[in-house]
Amino acid sequence: MKKLLVLFLLVVVGVGSCVAGKRMASKSESGRCVQIVRLEGEIMDSRRVVERLEEARADSNVRAVVLRIESPGGAVGASQEIYESVRLLDKVKPVVASIGNVGASGGYYSALGARRIWANPGSLTGSIGVITQFTDVHGLMDKLGIHAEVVKSGEAKDAGSPFRPMTEREKALFHTMVLDVYAQFRGAVSERRHVDSAALDTLADGRVLTGRQAWKAKLIDTLGTLLQAEAEAKALARLPADADVQEQESHLPLWRRLVDPDAEGFSRLLPQVGSRVELRMP
């Protein structure tokens, strides 16, 4: 009776987190599996993706990770945090990045931390560049008779304000900032992909590439599907071909995203004053 009870508990609770996955084979070896971590949508907050990567790192049953990317990019800092988390995880267990429809700009930056990068021939990727945009509404405000009074501690404190034209000095300041972030992005591409500076002069001008173009330019390793990327992850981890594959949901329910300031997508509901520096497709 006790043996039956123990067996029942093992079936209900599961042995290792890999048993709880959505897609599993029937002949897994000791619960060892490949974990899929999804990076989807505009990158605004890295917290949840980084948490999933850390969970995969701590789980001894997870022997490799596939980072599935469906993102046009987003905020600089969040993209860099995901890249760094992927890079550190790959030092412990192999990480294979798989680009679906789009993995560009910040999405591509995130993929650079992986040991191997896959994309479909028609995937959109690349877009190595930095952009920041500002909205100038002072003309409309003048017509409406609305004026903004500003008290500031320094000349550049309200640089980029939508309530007045930008000065040439302010444009130069923002351009310098954008070039610094661009140099960081370009440096990561050069280091991780071993692409020489002359080639990057052409490739890193913000252009979007297909997966096939990126493969020819050595920005990715190979062309193929998510299933093929999973198979390579298993091989890198020395797992059998029928090893389990576990997936995690990447998004909270809509109502949580609307009320949780840290949830993915929440920032798009907030009014934007000025702009932000981003790694994203135009």
Protein backbone atom coordinates (compact mmCIF):
# COMPACT_ATOMS: atom_id res chain seq x y z
CA MET A 1 0.00 0.00 0.00
CA LYS A 2 2.81 2.40 0.86
CA LYS A 3 4.53 1.65 -2.46
CA LEU A 4 1.32 2.42 -4.33
CA LEU A 5 0.95 5.71 -2.41
CA VAL A 6 4.53 6.75 -3.24
CA LEU A 7 4.00 5.89 -6.91
CA PHE A 8 0.78 7.91 -6.93
CA LEU A 9 2.56 10.96 -5.46
CA LEU A 10 5.35 10.72 -8.02
CA VAL A 11 2.82 10.66 -10.84
CA VAL A 12 0.87 13.65 -9.44
CA VAL A 13 3.82 15.81 -8.38
CA GLY A 14 6.27 14.80 -11.11
CA VAL A 15 9.94 13.96 -10.90
CA GLY A 16 11.82 17.14 -11.80
CA SER A 17 10.34 20.16 -13.54
CA CYS A 18 10.75 18.67 -17.01
CA VAL A 19 7.79 16.36 -16.40
CA ALA A 20 5.50 19.39 -16.28
CA GLY A 21 6.34 20.48 -19.82
CA LYS A 22 3.83 20.78 -22.63
CA ARG A 23 5.67 18.67 -25.23
CA MET A 24 7.34 15.48 -24.08
CA ALA A 25 8.59 12.23 -25.52
CA SER A 26 7.84 8.96 -23.81
CA LYS A 27 11.38 7.68 -23.43
CA SER A 28 13.19 10.46 -21.61
CA GLU A 29 16.32 9.61 -19.67
CA SER A 30 16.04 10.34 -15.93
CA GLY A 31 13.87 13.41 -16.52
CA ARG A 32 16.57 15.25 -18.46
CA CYS A 33 15.18 17.67 -21.00
CA VAL A 34 15.57 20.72 -23.21
CA GLN A 35 13.84 23.88 -21.98
CA ILE A 36 12.28 26.38 -24.39
CA VAL A 37 12.37 30.00 -23.20
CA ARG A 38 10.36 32.40 -25.34
CA LEU A 39 11.25 36.03 -26.04
CA GLU A 40 8.22 37.59 -27.68
CA GLY A 41 7.03 41.06 -28.58
CA GLU A 42 8.64 44.42 -27.96
CA ILE A 43 11.44 44.21 -25.40
CA MET A 44 10.63 46.61 -22.58
CA ASP A 45 11.32 44.64 -19.40
CA SER A 46 13.88 41.84 -19.19
CA ARG A 47 12.81 40.55 -15.79
CA ARG A 48 10.59 37.66 -16.78
CA VAL A 49 12.83 36.32 -19.53
CA VAL A 50 15.87 36.57 -17.26
CA GLU A 51 13.96 34.78 -14.48
CA ARG A 52 13.12 31.91 -16.85
CA LEU A 53 16.73 31.66 -17.92
CA GLU A 54 17.84 31.59 -14.28
CA GLU A 55 15.27 28.90 -13.48
CA ALA A 56 16.58 26.80 -16.34
CA ARG A 57 20.11 27.31 -15.10
CA ALA A 58 19.22 26.16 -11.58
CA ASP A 59 17.22 23.12 -12.71
CA SER A 60 19.57 20.13 -12.91
CA ASN A 61 17.11 18.29 -15.16
CA VAL A 62 17.34 21.01 -17.81
CA ARG A 63 20.41 20.16 -19.84
CA ALA A 64 20.03 22.69 -22.67
CA VAL A 65 17.91 25.73 -23.52
CA VAL A 66 16.36 26.91 -26.76
CA LEU A 67 15.71 30.67 -26.80
CA ARG A 68 12.81 31.10 -29.20
CA ILE A 69 12.73 34.69 -30.46
CA GLU A 70 9.75 36.55 -31.94
CA SER A 71 10.75 40.16 -31.32
CA PRO A 72 11.53 43.28 -33.38
CA GLY A 73 13.65 44.64 -30.51
CA GLY A 74 13.02 47.34 -27.94
CA ALA A 75 14.76 49.01 -25.02
CA VAL A 76 18.56 48.99 -24.91
CA GLY A 77 19.11 48.04 -21.28
CA ALA A 78 16.57 45.22 -21.31
CA SER A 79 18.07 43.77 -24.50
CA GLN A 80 21.55 43.88 -22.99
CA GLU A 81 20.38 42.20 -19.79
CA ILE A 82 18.82 39.33 -21.75
CA TYR A 83 21.97 39.01 -23.86
CA GLU A 84 24.15 38.84 -20.77
CA SER A 85 21.87 36.31 -19.07
CA VAL A 86 21.91 34.09 -22.16
CA ARG A 87 25.69 34.36 -22.41
CA LEU A 88 26.21 33.40 -18.77
CA LEU A 89 23.75 30.49 -19.03
CA ASP A 90 25.56 29.16 -22.09
CA LYS A 91 28.71 28.83 -20.02
CA VAL A 92 26.87 26.31 -17.81
CA LYS A 93 24.65 24.53 -20.35
CA PRO A 94 24.25 25.03 -24.10
CA VAL A 95 21.85 27.68 -25.37
CA VAL A 96 20.58 27.62 -28.95
CA ALA A 97 18.72 30.67 -30.28
CA SER A 98 15.92 30.10 -32.79
CA ILE A 99 14.50 33.08 -34.69
CA GLY A 100 10.92 32.66 -35.90
CA ASN A 101 9.24 35.36 -37.97
CA VAL A 102 11.40 38.17 -36.60
CA GLY A 103 14.40 38.49 -34.32
CA ALA A 104 15.83 41.88 -35.17
CA SER A 105 17.72 44.69 -33.47
CA GLY A 106 17.30 44.08 -29.70
CA GLY A 107 15.91 40.63 -30.51
CA TYR A 108 19.06 39.83 -32.47
CA TYR A 109 21.21 41.38 -29.71
CA SER A 110 19.62 38.94 -27.25
CA ALA A 111 20.41 36.01 -29.55
CA LEU A 112 24.11 36.91 -29.62
CA GLY A 113 24.61 35.36 -26.18
CA ALA A 114 23.69 31.89 -27.48
CA ARG A 115 26.16 29.25 -28.58
CA ARG A 116 24.36 28.79 -31.88
CA ILE A 117 21.83 30.95 -33.76
CA TRP A 118 19.21 29.47 -36.08
CA ALA A 119 16.73 31.28 -38.33
CA ASN A 120 14.32 30.36 -41.08
CA PRO A 121 15.36 31.45 -44.59
CA GLY A 122 12.60 34.06 -44.56
CA SER A 123 13.02 35.23 -40.96
CA LEU A 124 13.64 38.95 -40.49
CA THR A 125 16.78 39.67 -38.49
CA GLY A 126 19.77 41.99 -38.34
CA SER A 127 18.70 45.64 -38.05
CA ILE A 128 21.95 46.34 -36.20
CA GLY A 129 21.51 49.94 -35.19
CA VAL A 130 20.09 52.36 -32.66
CA ILE A 131 17.22 54.79 -32.97
CA THR A 132 15.63 57.48 -30.84
CA GLN A 133 12.73 59.68 -31.91
CA PHE A 134 11.17 62.82 -30.48
CA THR A 135 7.76 64.38 -30.99
CA ASP A 136 7.58 68.16 -31.38
CA VAL A 137 4.09 69.54 -30.64
CA HIS A 138 5.00 73.15 -29.91
CA GLY A 139 3.42 74.37 -33.16
CA LEU A 140 0.08 72.82 -32.26
CA MET A 141 0.33 74.21 -28.72
CA ASP A 142 0.96 77.70 -30.08
CA LYS A 143 -2.22 77.46 -32.20
CA LEU A 144 -4.17 76.36 -29.14
CA GLY A 145 -2.68 79.12 -27.01
CA ILE A 146 -1.00 76.64 -24.66
CA HIS A 147 2.48 77.40 -23.36
CA ALA A 148 4.80 75.40 -21.11
CA GLU A 149 6.87 77.08 -18.41
CA VAL A 150 10.05 75.20 -17.51
CA VAL A 151 12.31 75.62 -14.48
CA LYS A 152 15.48 73.53 -14.82
CA SER A 153 18.83 73.06 -13.14
CA GLY A 154 20.85 72.93 -16.34
CA GLU A 155 20.67 73.78 -20.02
CA ALA A 156 20.18 70.19 -21.21
CA LYS A 157 17.78 69.03 -18.50
CA ASP A 158 14.71 69.32 -20.75
CA ALA A 159 16.50 68.29 -23.94
CA GLY A 160 14.06 66.45 -26.18
CA SER A 161 11.03 68.19 -24.71
CA PRO A 162 8.02 67.99 -27.06
CA PHE A 163 7.07 71.54 -26.08
CA ARG A 164 9.85 73.33 -27.96
CA PRO A 165 12.17 72.80 -30.94
CA MET A 166 15.42 70.95 -30.26
CA THR A 167 18.60 73.00 -30.48
CA GLU A 168 21.57 71.95 -32.59
CA ARG A 169 23.60 71.36 -29.43
CA GLU A 170 20.92 69.05 -28.07
CA LYS A 171 20.81 67.13 -31.35
CA ALA A 172 24.57 66.68 -31.10
CA LEU A 173 24.27 65.41 -27.52
CA PHE A 174 21.67 62.81 -28.47
CA HIS A 175 23.65 61.80 -31.53
CA THR A 176 26.72 61.18 -29.37
CA MET A 177 24.63 59.06 -27.00
CA VAL A 178 23.17 57.03 -29.86
CA LEU A 179 26.63 56.42 -31.32
CA ASP A 180 27.88 55.16 -27.95
CA VAL A 181 25.07 52.60 -27.69
CA TYR A 182 25.62 51.69 -31.35
CA ALA A 183 29.29 51.02 -30.62
CA GLN A 184 28.27 48.67 -27.79
CA PHE A 185 25.88 46.77 -30.08
CA ARG A 186 28.40 46.60 -32.88
CA GLY A 187 31.11 45.45 -30.46
CA ALA A 188 28.90 42.57 -29.27
CA VAL A 189 28.27 41.49 -32.87
CA SER A 190 31.98 41.64 -33.71
CA GLU A 191 32.98 39.67 -30.62
CA ARG A 192 30.30 36.99 -30.77
CA ARG A 193 30.03 36.51 -34.53
CA HIS A 194 33.67 37.21 -35.47
CA VAL A 195 32.64 39.60 -38.23
CA ASP A 196 35.39 42.02 -39.24
CA SER A 197 34.97 45.78 -39.03
CA ALA A 198 34.87 46.31 -42.81
CA ALA A 199 31.93 43.91 -43.17
CA LEU A 200 30.11 45.55 -40.26
CA ASP A 201 30.42 48.93 -41.96
CA THR A 202 27.87 47.58 -44.42
CA LEU A 203 25.89 45.14 -42.28
CA ALA A 204 25.50 47.39 -39.23
CA ASP A 205 23.73 50.29 -40.90
CA GLY A 206 20.32 49.34 -39.52
CA ARG A 207 19.26 47.26 -42.51
CA VAL A 208 16.90 44.33 -42.00
CA LEU A 209 18.09 41.01 -43.43
CA THR A 210 16.36 37.77 -44.25
CA GLY A 211 17.58 34.66 -42.49
CA ARG A 212 19.32 33.53 -45.66
CA GLN A 213 21.09 36.88 -46.07
CA ALA A 214 22.14 36.82 -42.41
CA TRP A 215 23.50 33.28 -42.82
CA LYS A 216 25.58 34.31 -45.84
CA ALA A 217 26.88 37.29 -43.82
CA LYS A 218 27.74 34.98 -40.87
CA LEU A 219 25.38 36.79 -38.52
CA ILE A 220 23.69 33.46 -37.78
CA ASP A 221 25.04 29.92 -37.81
CA THR A 222 22.52 27.96 -39.82
CA LEU A 223 19.07 27.90 -41.39
CA GLY A 224 16.31 25.76 -39.98
CA THR A 225 13.18 25.41 -37.92
CA LEU A 226 12.51 25.39 -34.20
CA LEU A 227 12.40 21.59 -34.21
CA GLN A 228 15.83 21.46 -35.83
CA ALA A 229 17.18 23.91 -33.25
CA GLU A 230 15.77 21.68 -30.53
CA ALA A 231 17.52 18.68 -32.07
CA GLU A 232 20.85 20.53 -32.05
CA ALA A 233 20.32 21.56 -28.42
CA LYS A 234 19.83 17.90 -27.52
CA ALA A 235 23.00 16.94 -29.40
CA LEU A 236 25.03 19.67 -27.68
CA ALA A 237 23.78 18.45 -24.30
CA ARG A 238 24.43 14.82 -25.28
CA LEU A 239 20.80 13.93 -24.83
CA PRO A 240 19.04 11.24 -26.86
CA ALA A 241 16.96 12.35 -29.83
CA ASP A 242 13.76 11.46 -28.00
CA ALA A 243 14.59 13.51 -24.89
CA ASP A 244 11.78 15.63 -23.48
CA VAL A 245 11.18 19.22 -24.57
CA GLN A 246 9.57 21.52 -22.02
CA GLU A 247 7.88 24.81 -22.81
CA GLN A 248 6.94 27.71 -20.57
CA GLU A 249 4.26 30.27 -21.17
CA SER A 250 5.89 33.62 -21.87
CA HIS A 251 3.02 36.02 -21.16
CA LEU A 252 0.71 36.76 -18.28
CA PRO A 253 -3.05 36.94 -18.89
CA LEU A 254 -4.20 40.21 -20.44
CA TRP A 255 -5.76 41.51 -17.22
CA ARG A 256 -2.44 41.09 -15.39
CA ARG A 257 -0.59 42.93 -18.12
CA LEU A 258 -3.02 45.84 -17.79
CA VAL A 259 -2.69 46.24 -14.02
CA ASP A 260 0.90 45.11 -13.37
CA PRO A 261 3.42 47.93 -14.10
CA ASP A 262 6.18 45.35 -14.47
CA ALA A 263 4.23 43.15 -16.89
CA GLU A 264 5.16 42.87 -20.54
CA GLY A 265 3.17 45.25 -22.69
CA PHE A 266 2.11 47.59 -19.86
CA SER A 267 4.46 50.37 -20.94
CA ARG A 268 2.69 50.65 -24.28
CA LEU A 269 -0.42 51.85 -22.46
CA LEU A 270 1.40 54.78 -20.86
CA PRO A 271 1.63 58.19 -22.52
CA GLN A 272 5.13 58.85 -23.85
CA VAL A 273 6.71 62.24 -23.18
CA GLY A 274 9.78 62.72 -25.31
CA SER A 275 11.23 59.39 -26.39
CA ARG A 276 13.72 56.67 -25.51
CA VAL A 277 16.79 55.14 -27.08
CA GLU A 278 15.87 51.80 -28.61
CA LEU A 279 17.24 48.81 -30.46
CA ARG A 280 14.29 48.04 -32.70
CA MET A 281 13.15 47.89 -36.29
CA PRO A 282 11.81 51.21 -37.68
